[in-house]
Amino acid sequence: MSNIRAQLMQIVVERLETAPDVIERAEALADHGDSLAFMDLISEIEQQLKIHISNEELELLNSFEDLVRIVEQHTGSACATS
């Protein structure tokens, strides 16, 4: 598991109060809270990782895998395969 993936999983699990296996299987992260909780999650990720996720990227963000891909693009991390 990549370091970015592990960091994101920790943030998502804490913010959405959901088990990691549920997050990985979920088709949509937004299904695990309301829109305010989702935006709070994104804000926390941006602050902790010192990145900015654009509105256009948010529109493409559905699953945890989408989140990992977008954040890795911002941080320059290569996607690790488990």
C-alpha atoms as a PDB file:
ATOM      1  CA  MET A   1       0.000   0.000   0.000  1.00  0.00           C
ATOM      2  CA  SER A   2       1.407   3.378  -0.987  1.00  0.00           C
ATOM      3  CA  ASN A   3       2.057   5.964   1.698  1.00  0.00           C
ATOM      4  CA  ILE A   4      -0.479   8.327   0.101  1.00  0.00           C
ATOM      5  CA  ARG A   5      -3.085   5.562  -0.018  1.00  0.00           C
ATOM      6  CA  ALA A   6      -2.502   4.757   3.672  1.00  0.00           C
ATOM      7  CA  GLN A   7      -2.713   8.442   4.657  1.00  0.00           C
ATOM      8  CA  LEU A   8      -5.913   8.896   2.689  1.00  0.00           C
ATOM      9  CA  MET A   9      -7.468   5.784   4.168  1.00  0.00           C
ATOM     10  CA  GLN A  10      -6.729   7.031   7.679  1.00  0.00           C
ATOM     11  CA  ILE A  11      -8.268  10.445   6.967  1.00  0.00           C
ATOM     12  CA  VAL A  12     -11.338   8.981   5.239  1.00  0.00           C
ATOM     13  CA  VAL A  13     -11.983   6.407   7.968  1.00  0.00           C
ATOM     14  CA  GLU A  14     -11.690   9.056  10.698  1.00  0.00           C
ATOM     15  CA  ARG A  15     -13.776  11.707   8.932  1.00  0.00           C
ATOM     16  CA  LEU A  16     -16.534   9.443   7.625  1.00  0.00           C
ATOM     17  CA  GLU A  17     -16.466   7.112  10.644  1.00  0.00           C
ATOM     18  CA  THR A  18     -16.521   4.080   8.391  1.00  0.00           C
ATOM     19  CA  ALA A  19     -14.449   0.881   8.303  1.00  0.00           C
ATOM     20  CA  PRO A  20     -11.608   0.665   5.740  1.00  0.00           C
ATOM     21  CA  ASP A  21     -13.092  -2.362   3.967  1.00  0.00           C
ATOM     22  CA  VAL A  22     -16.368  -0.482   3.487  1.00  0.00           C
ATOM     23  CA  ILE A  23     -14.500   2.487   1.989  1.00  0.00           C
ATOM     24  CA  GLU A  24     -12.548   0.308  -0.433  1.00  0.00           C
ATOM     25  CA  ARG A  25     -15.707  -1.458  -1.647  1.00  0.00           C
ATOM     26  CA  ALA A  26     -17.834   1.686  -1.883  1.00  0.00           C
ATOM     27  CA  GLU A  27     -18.747   2.918  -5.308  1.00  0.00           C
ATOM     28  CA  ALA A  28     -19.189   6.488  -4.043  1.00  0.00           C
ATOM     29  CA  LEU A  29     -17.473   8.134  -1.081  1.00  0.00           C
ATOM     30  CA  ALA A  30     -20.280  10.666  -0.850  1.00  0.00           C
ATOM     31  CA  ASP A  31     -22.663   7.833   0.088  1.00  0.00           C
ATOM     32  CA  HIS A  32     -20.997   7.692   3.509  1.00  0.00           C
ATOM     33  CA  GLY A  33     -22.115  11.095   4.704  1.00  0.00           C
ATOM     34  CA  ASP A  34     -23.836  14.243   3.568  1.00  0.00           C
ATOM     35  CA  SER A  35     -22.328  16.818   1.229  1.00  0.00           C
ATOM     36  CA  LEU A  36     -20.998  18.840   4.164  1.00  0.00           C
ATOM     37  CA  ALA A  37     -19.155  15.798   5.534  1.00  0.00           C
ATOM     38  CA  PHE A  38     -17.725  15.151   2.057  1.00  0.00           C
ATOM     39  CA  MET A  39     -16.474  18.732   1.707  1.00  0.00           C
ATOM     40  CA  ASP A  40     -15.025  18.573   5.229  1.00  0.00           C
ATOM     41  CA  LEU A  41     -13.182  15.418   4.181  1.00  0.00           C
ATOM     42  CA  ILE A  42     -11.770  17.106   1.069  1.00  0.00           C
ATOM     43  CA  SER A  43     -10.732  20.156   3.099  1.00  0.00           C
ATOM     44  CA  GLU A  44      -8.929  17.957   5.612  1.00  0.00           C
ATOM     45  CA  ILE A  45      -7.085  16.126   2.837  1.00  0.00           C
ATOM     46  CA  GLU A  46      -6.063  19.407   1.218  1.00  0.00           C
ATOM     47  CA  GLN A  47      -4.776  20.784   4.528  1.00  0.00           C
ATOM     48  CA  GLN A  48      -2.884  17.689   5.608  1.00  0.00           C
ATOM     49  CA  LEU A  49      -1.293  17.024   2.220  1.00  0.00           C
ATOM     50  CA  LYS A  50      -0.895  20.692   1.242  1.00  0.00           C
ATOM     51  CA  ILE A  51      -2.669  20.311  -2.099  1.00  0.00           C
ATOM     52  CA  HIS A  52      -5.706  21.850  -3.796  1.00  0.00           C
ATOM     53  CA  ILE A  53      -8.344  19.680  -5.437  1.00  0.00           C
ATOM     54  CA  SER A  54     -10.160  21.685  -8.099  1.00  0.00           C
ATOM     55  CA  ASN A  55     -13.916  21.743  -8.634  1.00  0.00           C
ATOM     56  CA  GLU A  56     -13.387  19.916 -11.914  1.00  0.00           C
ATOM     57  CA  GLU A  57     -11.529  17.132 -10.109  1.00  0.00           C
ATOM     58  CA  LEU A  58     -14.253  16.978  -7.447  1.00  0.00           C
ATOM     59  CA  GLU A  59     -16.799  16.339 -10.182  1.00  0.00           C
ATOM     60  CA  LEU A  60     -14.771  13.293 -11.271  1.00  0.00           C
ATOM     61  CA  LEU A  61     -14.274  12.027  -7.724  1.00  0.00           C
ATOM     62  CA  ASN A  62     -16.542   9.148  -6.834  1.00  0.00           C
ATOM     63  CA  SER A  63     -14.661   6.226  -5.333  1.00  0.00           C
ATOM     64  CA  PHE A  64     -11.715   5.931  -2.969  1.00  0.00           C
ATOM     65  CA  GLU A  65      -9.635   4.877  -5.975  1.00  0.00           C
ATOM     66  CA  ASP A  66     -10.533   8.154  -7.709  1.00  0.00           C
ATOM     67  CA  LEU A  67      -9.406  10.041  -4.616  1.00  0.00           C
ATOM     68  CA  VAL A  68      -6.091   8.170  -4.500  1.00  0.00           C
ATOM     69  CA  ARG A  69      -5.473   8.840  -8.204  1.00  0.00           C
ATOM     70  CA  ILE A  70      -6.233  12.566  -7.920  1.00  0.00           C
ATOM     71  CA  VAL A  71      -4.085  13.048  -4.815  1.00  0.00           C
ATOM     72  CA  GLU A  72      -1.198  11.069  -6.315  1.00  0.00           C
ATOM     73  CA  GLN A  73      -1.328  13.339  -9.366  1.00  0.00           C
ATOM     74  CA  HIS A  74      -0.983  16.364  -7.087  1.00  0.00           C
ATOM     75  CA  THR A  75       1.814  14.907  -4.979  1.00  0.00           C
ATOM     76  CA  GLY A  76       3.705  13.248  -7.801  1.00  0.00           C
ATOM     77  CA  SER A  77       3.460   9.849  -6.111  1.00  0.00           C
ATOM     78  CA  ALA A  78       3.329   6.771  -8.271  1.00  0.00           C
ATOM     79  CA  CYS A  79       0.385   4.503  -7.755  1.00  0.00           C
ATOM     80  CA  ALA A  80       1.485   1.372  -5.894  1.00  0.00           C
ATOM     81  CA  THR A  81      -0.127  -1.919  -6.652  1.00  0.00           C
ATOM     82  CA  SER A  82      -1.002  -4.150  -3.725  1.00  0.00           C
END
